[in-house]
């Protein structure tokens, strides 16, 4: 999970553009770090690998500052998603995946967090040290 507090008004972004920027950061991270082809989906927000969602994004704004953020499935127990309708998507052709499932072994969480932070920094033009993931 990542919670972002970014003044999107300072960047001239609209909410949709901001969300697309987050999606782009994850798409770039997955491609550059793992050779995984991920994509946007016009109908459903988030990042998709095939028909499975790997990153859910939920943003709220208060005075043009983002609240909430994303859920990137790194080593997630995917069986828990059978108990709910993930993101309200009841389409049986859609599912949820994780980095662990895609690479076939548990992923190094700290390395993934650092890679995601770098991808988000790059997407939104933040310098190192001005954007932290803990």
C-alpha atoms as a PDB file:
ATOM      1  CA  UNK A   1       0.000   0.000   0.000  1.00  0.00           C
ATOM      2  CA  UNK A   2       1.168   3.460  -0.742  1.00  0.00           C
ATOM      3  CA  UNK A   3      -0.448   6.663   0.436  1.00  0.00           C
ATOM      4  CA  UNK A   4       0.429   9.702  -1.621  1.00  0.00           C
ATOM      5  CA  UNK A   5       0.071  13.279  -0.457  1.00  0.00           C
ATOM      6  CA  UNK A   6       0.762  15.371  -3.531  1.00  0.00           C
ATOM      7  CA  UNK A   7      -0.512  18.857  -4.327  1.00  0.00           C
ATOM      8  CA  UNK A   8      -1.643  18.101  -7.857  1.00  0.00           C
ATOM      9  CA  UNK A   9      -2.658  21.717  -8.404  1.00  0.00           C
ATOM     10  CA  UNK A  10       1.025  22.654  -8.219  1.00  0.00           C
ATOM     11  CA  UNK A  11       1.664  20.386 -11.197  1.00  0.00           C
ATOM     12  CA  UNK A  12      -1.258  21.488 -13.333  1.00  0.00           C
ATOM     13  CA  UNK A  13      -2.642  17.958 -13.311  1.00  0.00           C
ATOM     14  CA  UNK A  14      -6.221  16.990 -13.521  1.00  0.00           C
ATOM     15  CA  UNK A  15      -7.318  13.987 -11.486  1.00  0.00           C
ATOM     16  CA  UNK A  16      -7.525  11.639 -14.495  1.00  0.00           C
ATOM     17  CA  UNK A  17      -4.089  12.755 -15.667  1.00  0.00           C
ATOM     18  CA  UNK A  18      -2.673  12.195 -12.172  1.00  0.00           C
ATOM     19  CA  UNK A  19      -4.132   8.673 -12.010  1.00  0.00           C
ATOM     20  CA  UNK A  20      -2.746   7.917 -15.465  1.00  0.00           C
ATOM     21  CA  UNK A  21       0.647   9.130 -14.250  1.00  0.00           C
ATOM     22  CA  UNK A  22       0.499   6.644 -11.373  1.00  0.00           C
ATOM     23  CA  UNK A  23      -0.478   3.893 -13.779  1.00  0.00           C
ATOM     24  CA  UNK A  24       2.424   4.871 -16.046  1.00  0.00           C
ATOM     25  CA  UNK A  25       4.862   4.662 -13.124  1.00  0.00           C
ATOM     26  CA  UNK A  26       3.828   1.076 -12.332  1.00  0.00           C
ATOM     27  CA  UNK A  27       3.811   0.082 -15.994  1.00  0.00           C
ATOM     28  CA  UNK A  28       7.350   1.446 -16.358  1.00  0.00           C
ATOM     29  CA  UNK A  29       8.533  -0.198 -13.129  1.00  0.00           C
ATOM     30  CA  UNK A  30       7.195  -3.622 -14.142  1.00  0.00           C
ATOM     31  CA  UNK A  31       8.739  -3.383 -17.623  1.00  0.00           C
ATOM     32  CA  UNK A  32      12.124  -2.008 -16.554  1.00  0.00           C
ATOM     33  CA  UNK A  33      12.619  -4.136 -13.436  1.00  0.00           C
ATOM     34  CA  UNK A  34      10.962  -7.414 -14.414  1.00  0.00           C
ATOM     35  CA  UNK A  35      10.309  -7.403 -18.163  1.00  0.00           C
ATOM     36  CA  UNK A  36       6.562  -7.601 -17.481  1.00  0.00           C
ATOM     37  CA  UNK A  37       4.195  -6.007 -19.981  1.00  0.00           C
ATOM     38  CA  UNK A  38       1.454  -4.170 -18.102  1.00  0.00           C
ATOM     39  CA  UNK A  39      -1.198  -1.792 -19.388  1.00  0.00           C
ATOM     40  CA  UNK A  40      -3.950   0.710 -18.714  1.00  0.00           C
ATOM     41  CA  UNK A  41      -7.580  -0.269 -19.104  1.00  0.00           C
ATOM     42  CA  UNK A  42     -10.028   2.371 -20.305  1.00  0.00           C
ATOM     43  CA  UNK A  43     -12.918   0.901 -18.350  1.00  0.00           C
ATOM     44  CA  UNK A  44     -11.174   0.027 -15.070  1.00  0.00           C
ATOM     45  CA  UNK A  45      -8.631   2.156 -13.223  1.00  0.00           C
ATOM     46  CA  UNK A  46      -5.412   0.455 -12.186  1.00  0.00           C
ATOM     47  CA  UNK A  47      -2.619  -1.495 -13.802  1.00  0.00           C
ATOM     48  CA  UNK A  48      -3.327  -4.728 -15.620  1.00  0.00           C
ATOM     49  CA  UNK A  49      -1.230  -7.661 -16.777  1.00  0.00           C
ATOM     50  CA  UNK A  50      -3.395  -9.467 -19.279  1.00  0.00           C
ATOM     51  CA  UNK A  51      -6.835  -9.616 -17.677  1.00  0.00           C
ATOM     52  CA  UNK A  52      -5.512  -9.476 -14.107  1.00  0.00           C
ATOM     53  CA  UNK A  53      -5.087  -6.368 -11.982  1.00  0.00           C
ATOM     54  CA  UNK A  54      -1.739  -5.979 -10.230  1.00  0.00           C
ATOM     55  CA  UNK A  55      -2.186  -2.418  -8.932  1.00  0.00           C
ATOM     56  CA  UNK A  56      -5.395  -0.884  -7.624  1.00  0.00           C
ATOM     57  CA  UNK A  57      -5.557   2.909  -7.411  1.00  0.00           C
ATOM     58  CA  UNK A  58      -7.950   4.914  -5.273  1.00  0.00           C
ATOM     59  CA  UNK A  59      -7.495   8.658  -4.991  1.00  0.00           C
ATOM     60  CA  UNK A  60      -9.404  11.278  -3.063  1.00  0.00           C
ATOM     61  CA  UNK A  61      -8.697  14.998  -3.063  1.00  0.00           C
ATOM     62  CA  UNK A  62      -8.934  17.582  -0.345  1.00  0.00           C
ATOM     63  CA  UNK A  63      -7.995  21.116  -1.346  1.00  0.00           C
ATOM     64  CA  UNK A  64      -6.161  19.744  -4.412  1.00  0.00           C
ATOM     65  CA  UNK A  65      -3.978  17.449  -2.305  1.00  0.00           C
ATOM     66  CA  UNK A  66      -4.229  13.727  -2.950  1.00  0.00           C
ATOM     67  CA  UNK A  67      -5.228  11.342  -0.193  1.00  0.00           C
ATOM     68  CA  UNK A  68      -5.138   7.559  -0.310  1.00  0.00           C
ATOM     69  CA  UNK A  69      -3.129   5.999  -3.098  1.00  0.00           C
ATOM     70  CA  UNK A  70      -2.489   2.509  -4.390  1.00  0.00           C
ATOM     71  CA  UNK A  71      -2.292  -1.177  -3.583  1.00  0.00           C
ATOM     72  CA  UNK A  72       0.504  -2.906  -5.496  1.00  0.00           C
ATOM     73  CA  UNK A  73       0.302  -6.674  -5.102  1.00  0.00           C
ATOM     74  CA  UNK A  74       3.855  -7.808  -4.431  1.00  0.00           C
ATOM     75  CA  UNK A  75       3.682 -11.040  -2.372  1.00  0.00           C
ATOM     76  CA  UNK A  76      -0.044 -10.878  -1.730  1.00  0.00           C
ATOM     77  CA  UNK A  77      -2.077 -13.918  -0.695  1.00  0.00           C
ATOM     78  CA  UNK A  78      -4.389 -13.902  -3.689  1.00  0.00           C
ATOM     79  CA  UNK A  79      -6.767 -16.482  -2.223  1.00  0.00           C
ATOM     80  CA  UNK A  80      -8.269 -13.738  -0.059  1.00  0.00           C
ATOM     81  CA  UNK A  81      -9.696 -12.075  -3.165  1.00  0.00           C
ATOM     82  CA  UNK A  82     -12.092 -15.013  -3.545  1.00  0.00           C
ATOM     83  CA  UNK A  83     -13.965 -13.646  -0.506  1.00  0.00           C
ATOM     84  CA  UNK A  84     -14.783 -10.296  -2.152  1.00  0.00           C
ATOM     85  CA  UNK A  85     -15.495  -8.669  -5.487  1.00  0.00           C
ATOM     86  CA  UNK A  86     -12.170  -6.868  -6.010  1.00  0.00           C
ATOM     87  CA  UNK A  87     -12.657  -3.214  -6.927  1.00  0.00           C
ATOM     88  CA  UNK A  88     -16.323  -3.997  -7.568  1.00  0.00           C
ATOM     89  CA  UNK A  89     -15.421  -5.788 -10.818  1.00  0.00           C
ATOM     90  CA  UNK A  90     -17.671  -8.859 -11.002  1.00  0.00           C
ATOM     91  CA  UNK A  91     -16.518  -9.835 -14.509  1.00  0.00           C
ATOM     92  CA  UNK A  92     -15.400 -13.501 -14.264  1.00  0.00           C
ATOM     93  CA  UNK A  93     -12.830 -12.957 -17.045  1.00  0.00           C
ATOM     94  CA  UNK A  94     -10.942 -10.512 -14.809  1.00  0.00           C
ATOM     95  CA  UNK A  95      -8.794 -11.383 -11.848  1.00  0.00           C
ATOM     96  CA  UNK A  96      -6.039 -10.214  -9.544  1.00  0.00           C
ATOM     97  CA  UNK A  97      -2.371 -11.090  -9.750  1.00  0.00           C
ATOM     98  CA  UNK A  98       0.841 -10.362  -7.885  1.00  0.00           C
ATOM     99  CA  UNK A  99       4.462  -9.773  -8.696  1.00  0.00           C
ATOM    100  CA  UNK A 100       5.266 -13.047  -6.944  1.00  0.00           C
ATOM    101  CA  UNK A 101       2.913 -14.972  -9.223  1.00  0.00           C
ATOM    102  CA  UNK A 102       4.276 -13.302 -12.337  1.00  0.00           C
ATOM    103  CA  UNK A 103       7.961 -13.892 -11.561  1.00  0.00           C
ATOM    104  CA  UNK A 104       7.387 -17.335 -10.061  1.00  0.00           C
ATOM    105  CA  UNK A 105       9.030 -16.647  -6.690  1.00  0.00           C
ATOM    106  CA  UNK A 106       8.630 -14.291  -3.731  1.00  0.00           C
ATOM    107  CA  UNK A 107       9.703 -10.776  -4.678  1.00  0.00           C
ATOM    108  CA  UNK A 108      12.083  -8.680  -2.585  1.00  0.00           C
ATOM    109  CA  UNK A 109       9.615  -6.234  -1.045  1.00  0.00           C
ATOM    110  CA  UNK A 110      12.183  -3.531  -0.170  1.00  0.00           C
ATOM    111  CA  UNK A 111      13.582  -3.623  -3.679  1.00  0.00           C
ATOM    112  CA  UNK A 112      10.075  -3.384  -5.150  1.00  0.00           C
ATOM    113  CA  UNK A 113       9.219  -0.426  -2.864  1.00  0.00           C
ATOM    114  CA  UNK A 114      12.412   1.387  -3.888  1.00  0.00           C
ATOM    115  CA  UNK A 115      11.729   0.700  -7.570  1.00  0.00           C
ATOM    116  CA  UNK A 116       8.160   1.931  -7.324  1.00  0.00           C
ATOM    117  CA  UNK A 117       9.290   5.069  -5.462  1.00  0.00           C
ATOM    118  CA  UNK A 118      11.828   5.783  -8.194  1.00  0.00           C
ATOM    119  CA  UNK A 119       9.245   5.243 -10.938  1.00  0.00           C
ATOM    120  CA  UNK A 120       6.765   7.591  -9.234  1.00  0.00           C
ATOM    121  CA  UNK A 121       9.507  10.185  -8.631  1.00  0.00           C
ATOM    122  CA  UNK A 122      10.422  10.033 -12.297  1.00  0.00           C
ATOM    123  CA  UNK A 123       6.829  10.243 -13.502  1.00  0.00           C
ATOM    124  CA  UNK A 124       6.033  13.333 -11.449  1.00  0.00           C
ATOM    125  CA  UNK A 125       9.458  15.002 -11.555  1.00  0.00           C
ATOM    126  CA  UNK A 126      10.403  14.774  -7.873  1.00  0.00           C
ATOM    127  CA  UNK A 127      14.019  14.793  -6.775  1.00  0.00           C
ATOM    128  CA  UNK A 128      15.415  12.038  -4.587  1.00  0.00           C
ATOM    129  CA  UNK A 129      14.843  12.869  -0.937  1.00  0.00           C
ATOM    130  CA  UNK A 130      11.616  14.754  -1.630  1.00  0.00           C
ATOM    131  CA  UNK A 131       9.602  11.587  -2.026  1.00  0.00           C
ATOM    132  CA  UNK A 132       9.773   8.805   0.535  1.00  0.00           C
ATOM    133  CA  UNK A 133       8.383   5.310   0.774  1.00  0.00           C
ATOM    134  CA  UNK A 134       8.586   3.684   4.179  1.00  0.00           C
END
